[in-house]
Amino acid sequence: MPIQHQSSSSQLVNQFLSTASPQTQEMVNALIAVVYSTEHNFDMAIKWRRLTFALEHDFHHWICGIEITKSYVGIIFHFGGLLDDPRGKFKIGASNFLRKIEIRSLREIENNVIQDFIDQAV
């Protein structure tokens, strides 16, 4: 697993991915690697059926999360509605704040775009 985090985090990721297909596992692991490639020291937990990332254990004001659905893996930004999205990457849902990027294959993951959103969110 090419993830740079503690073994307790690895156990959390394994729990989160326990029923996921190999392709989904690969996409989730790639997204986790992007999150941890930023300069921010995130805490990780499973919240709201998502792998959720926050700073200083403040999961009330989480930064981003990864969700698995039947048709895509999503990276969701808690206050994404407040972030600059000049490339139009976000899907807008019913919430005024939540925004997500839907990913259906590894090649759709744009590290620099996700890192930019993370930096803005922090």
C-alpha atoms as a PDB file:
ATOM      1  CA  MET A   1       0.000   0.000   0.000  1.00  0.00           C
ATOM      2  CA  PRO A   2       1.741   3.212  -1.152  1.00  0.00           C
ATOM      3  CA  ILE A   3       0.367   5.393   1.613  1.00  0.00           C
ATOM      4  CA  GLN A   4       2.480   7.398   3.998  1.00  0.00           C
ATOM      5  CA  HIS A   5       0.587   7.188   7.258  1.00  0.00           C
ATOM      6  CA  GLN A   6       0.594   5.286  10.510  1.00  0.00           C
ATOM      7  CA  SER A   7      -0.358   1.634  10.840  1.00  0.00           C
ATOM      8  CA  SER A   8      -3.541   2.548  12.734  1.00  0.00           C
ATOM      9  CA  SER A   9      -4.460   4.633   9.696  1.00  0.00           C
ATOM     10  CA  SER A  10      -3.663   1.670   7.457  1.00  0.00           C
ATOM     11  CA  GLN A  11      -6.086  -0.421   9.512  1.00  0.00           C
ATOM     12  CA  LEU A  12      -8.704   2.302   9.116  1.00  0.00           C
ATOM     13  CA  VAL A  13      -8.172   2.339   5.348  1.00  0.00           C
ATOM     14  CA  ASN A  14      -8.405  -1.461   5.219  1.00  0.00           C
ATOM     15  CA  GLN A  15     -11.666  -1.298   7.163  1.00  0.00           C
ATOM     16  CA  PHE A  16     -13.016   1.370   4.801  1.00  0.00           C
ATOM     17  CA  LEU A  17     -12.031  -0.671   1.737  1.00  0.00           C
ATOM     18  CA  SER A  18     -13.052  -4.083   3.066  1.00  0.00           C
ATOM     19  CA  THR A  19     -15.819  -4.619   0.497  1.00  0.00           C
ATOM     20  CA  ALA A  20     -14.443  -2.468  -2.323  1.00  0.00           C
ATOM     21  CA  SER A  21     -13.347  -3.824  -5.705  1.00  0.00           C
ATOM     22  CA  PRO A  22      -9.636  -3.799  -6.569  1.00  0.00           C
ATOM     23  CA  GLN A  23     -10.180  -0.877  -8.987  1.00  0.00           C
ATOM     24  CA  THR A  24     -11.982   1.119  -6.298  1.00  0.00           C
ATOM     25  CA  GLN A  25      -9.241   0.313  -3.776  1.00  0.00           C
ATOM     26  CA  GLU A  26      -6.649   1.588  -6.232  1.00  0.00           C
ATOM     27  CA  MET A  27      -8.541   4.868  -6.762  1.00  0.00           C
ATOM     28  CA  VAL A  28      -9.080   5.411  -3.030  1.00  0.00           C
ATOM     29  CA  ASN A  29      -5.413   4.700  -2.259  1.00  0.00           C
ATOM     30  CA  ALA A  30      -4.367   7.157  -4.970  1.00  0.00           C
ATOM     31  CA  LEU A  31      -6.652   9.846  -3.502  1.00  0.00           C
ATOM     32  CA  ILE A  32      -5.310   9.220   0.000  1.00  0.00           C
ATOM     33  CA  ALA A  33      -1.781   9.614  -1.363  1.00  0.00           C
ATOM     34  CA  VAL A  34      -2.766  12.964  -2.911  1.00  0.00           C
ATOM     35  CA  VAL A  35      -4.247  14.178   0.395  1.00  0.00           C
ATOM     36  CA  TYR A  36      -1.093  13.174   2.291  1.00  0.00           C
ATOM     37  CA  SER A  37       1.165  14.685  -0.392  1.00  0.00           C
ATOM     38  CA  THR A  38       0.141  18.164   0.738  1.00  0.00           C
ATOM     39  CA  GLU A  39       2.012  19.978   3.495  1.00  0.00           C
ATOM     40  CA  HIS A  40      -0.897  19.539   5.906  1.00  0.00           C
ATOM     41  CA  ASN A  41      -0.854  17.054   8.772  1.00  0.00           C
ATOM     42  CA  PHE A  42      -4.313  15.509   8.495  1.00  0.00           C
ATOM     43  CA  ASP A  43      -6.100  13.258  10.943  1.00  0.00           C
ATOM     44  CA  MET A  44      -8.208  10.559   9.333  1.00  0.00           C
ATOM     45  CA  ALA A  45     -11.388   8.843  10.506  1.00  0.00           C
ATOM     46  CA  ILE A  46     -14.424   7.130   9.070  1.00  0.00           C
ATOM     47  CA  LYS A  47     -17.278   9.614   9.495  1.00  0.00           C
ATOM     48  CA  TRP A  48     -20.601   9.671   7.668  1.00  0.00           C
ATOM     49  CA  ARG A  49     -19.552   6.511   5.752  1.00  0.00           C
ATOM     50  CA  ARG A  50     -16.624   8.473   4.313  1.00  0.00           C
ATOM     51  CA  LEU A  51     -12.909   8.400   4.888  1.00  0.00           C
ATOM     52  CA  THR A  52     -12.694  11.893   6.350  1.00  0.00           C
ATOM     53  CA  PHE A  53      -9.700  14.205   6.785  1.00  0.00           C
ATOM     54  CA  ALA A  54      -9.476  16.993   9.354  1.00  0.00           C
ATOM     55  CA  LEU A  55      -6.861  19.101  11.082  1.00  0.00           C
ATOM     56  CA  GLU A  56      -6.193  18.777  14.815  1.00  0.00           C
ATOM     57  CA  HIS A  57      -9.000  16.172  15.181  1.00  0.00           C
ATOM     58  CA  ASP A  58     -11.613  18.845  14.332  1.00  0.00           C
ATOM     59  CA  PHE A  59     -14.029  16.588  12.465  1.00  0.00           C
ATOM     60  CA  HIS A  60     -16.804  19.123  12.979  1.00  0.00           C
ATOM     61  CA  HIS A  61     -14.933  21.300  10.464  1.00  0.00           C
ATOM     62  CA  TRP A  62     -13.478  18.524   8.293  1.00  0.00           C
ATOM     63  CA  ILE A  63     -11.576  19.479   5.154  1.00  0.00           C
ATOM     64  CA  CYS A  64     -12.319  16.685   2.709  1.00  0.00           C
ATOM     65  CA  GLY A  65     -13.544  13.127   2.528  1.00  0.00           C
ATOM     66  CA  ILE A  66     -13.536  10.150   0.194  1.00  0.00           C
ATOM     67  CA  GLU A  67     -16.764   8.296  -0.527  1.00  0.00           C
ATOM     68  CA  ILE A  68     -17.404   5.114  -2.446  1.00  0.00           C
ATOM     69  CA  THR A  69     -20.579   4.692  -4.484  1.00  0.00           C
ATOM     70  CA  LYS A  70     -21.604   2.042  -7.011  1.00  0.00           C
ATOM     71  CA  SER A  71     -20.608   4.240  -9.953  1.00  0.00           C
ATOM     72  CA  TYR A  72     -17.712   6.394  -8.724  1.00  0.00           C
ATOM     73  CA  VAL A  73     -15.261   7.308  -5.982  1.00  0.00           C
ATOM     74  CA  GLY A  74     -15.814  10.864  -4.833  1.00  0.00           C
ATOM     75  CA  ILE A  75     -13.597  13.347  -3.099  1.00  0.00           C
ATOM     76  CA  ILE A  76     -15.817  15.758  -1.203  1.00  0.00           C
ATOM     77  CA  PHE A  77     -14.929  19.140   0.214  1.00  0.00           C
ATOM     78  CA  HIS A  78     -16.874  20.270   3.275  1.00  0.00           C
ATOM     79  CA  PHE A  79     -16.821  23.949   2.347  1.00  0.00           C
ATOM     80  CA  GLY A  80     -16.254  23.396  -1.361  1.00  0.00           C
ATOM     81  CA  GLY A  81     -18.861  25.992  -2.253  1.00  0.00           C
ATOM     82  CA  LEU A  82     -16.475  28.624  -0.915  1.00  0.00           C
ATOM     83  CA  LEU A  83     -13.511  27.426  -2.984  1.00  0.00           C
ATOM     84  CA  ASP A  84     -12.343  28.837  -6.303  1.00  0.00           C
ATOM     85  CA  ASP A  85     -13.141  26.360  -9.106  1.00  0.00           C
ATOM     86  CA  PRO A  86     -12.046  28.099 -12.326  1.00  0.00           C
ATOM     87  CA  ARG A  87     -11.729  24.755 -14.180  1.00  0.00           C
ATOM     88  CA  GLY A  88     -15.295  23.707 -13.265  1.00  0.00           C
ATOM     89  CA  LYS A  89     -14.252  20.405 -11.663  1.00  0.00           C
ATOM     90  CA  PHE A  90     -16.838  20.349  -8.858  1.00  0.00           C
ATOM     91  CA  LYS A  91     -20.252  18.721  -8.994  1.00  0.00           C
ATOM     92  CA  ILE A  92     -22.797  20.854  -7.187  1.00  0.00           C
ATOM     93  CA  GLY A  93     -25.407  19.033  -5.130  1.00  0.00           C
ATOM     94  CA  ALA A  94     -28.261  20.097  -2.879  1.00  0.00           C
ATOM     95  CA  SER A  95     -25.974  21.622  -0.236  1.00  0.00           C
ATOM     96  CA  ASN A  96     -24.819  25.219  -0.344  1.00  0.00           C
ATOM     97  CA  PHE A  97     -21.360  24.168   0.808  1.00  0.00           C
ATOM     98  CA  LEU A  98     -20.476  20.575  -0.116  1.00  0.00           C
ATOM     99  CA  ARG A  99     -18.769  20.036  -3.459  1.00  0.00           C
ATOM    100  CA  LYS A 100     -17.314  16.863  -4.933  1.00  0.00           C
ATOM    101  CA  ILE A 101     -15.300  15.475  -7.774  1.00  0.00           C
ATOM    102  CA  GLU A 102     -16.524  12.142  -9.132  1.00  0.00           C
ATOM    103  CA  ILE A 103     -13.779   9.763 -10.237  1.00  0.00           C
ATOM    104  CA  ARG A 104     -14.445   6.671 -12.304  1.00  0.00           C
ATOM    105  CA  SER A 105     -10.860   5.650 -13.164  1.00  0.00           C
ATOM    106  CA  LEU A 106      -7.306   6.267 -11.979  1.00  0.00           C
ATOM    107  CA  ARG A 107      -6.501   8.436 -14.991  1.00  0.00           C
ATOM    108  CA  GLU A 108      -9.214  10.925 -13.934  1.00  0.00           C
ATOM    109  CA  ILE A 109      -7.333  11.814 -10.742  1.00  0.00           C
ATOM    110  CA  GLU A 110      -5.712  15.213 -11.230  1.00  0.00           C
ATOM    111  CA  ASN A 111      -3.274  15.546  -8.334  1.00  0.00           C
ATOM    112  CA  ASN A 112      -2.586  19.251  -8.809  1.00  0.00           C
ATOM    113  CA  VAL A 113      -6.298  20.132  -8.948  1.00  0.00           C
ATOM    114  CA  ILE A 114      -7.068  18.191  -5.764  1.00  0.00           C
ATOM    115  CA  GLN A 115      -3.999  19.588  -3.980  1.00  0.00           C
ATOM    116  CA  ASP A 116      -5.095  23.110  -4.926  1.00  0.00           C
ATOM    117  CA  PHE A 117      -8.582  22.536  -3.499  1.00  0.00           C
ATOM    118  CA  ILE A 118      -7.073  21.103  -0.296  1.00  0.00           C
ATOM    119  CA  ASP A 119      -4.746  24.088   0.099  1.00  0.00           C
ATOM    120  CA  GLN A 120      -7.656  26.493  -0.454  1.00  0.00           C
ATOM    121  CA  ALA A 121      -9.852  24.603   2.018  1.00  0.00           C
ATOM    122  CA  VAL A 122      -7.208  24.702   4.742  1.00  0.00           C
END
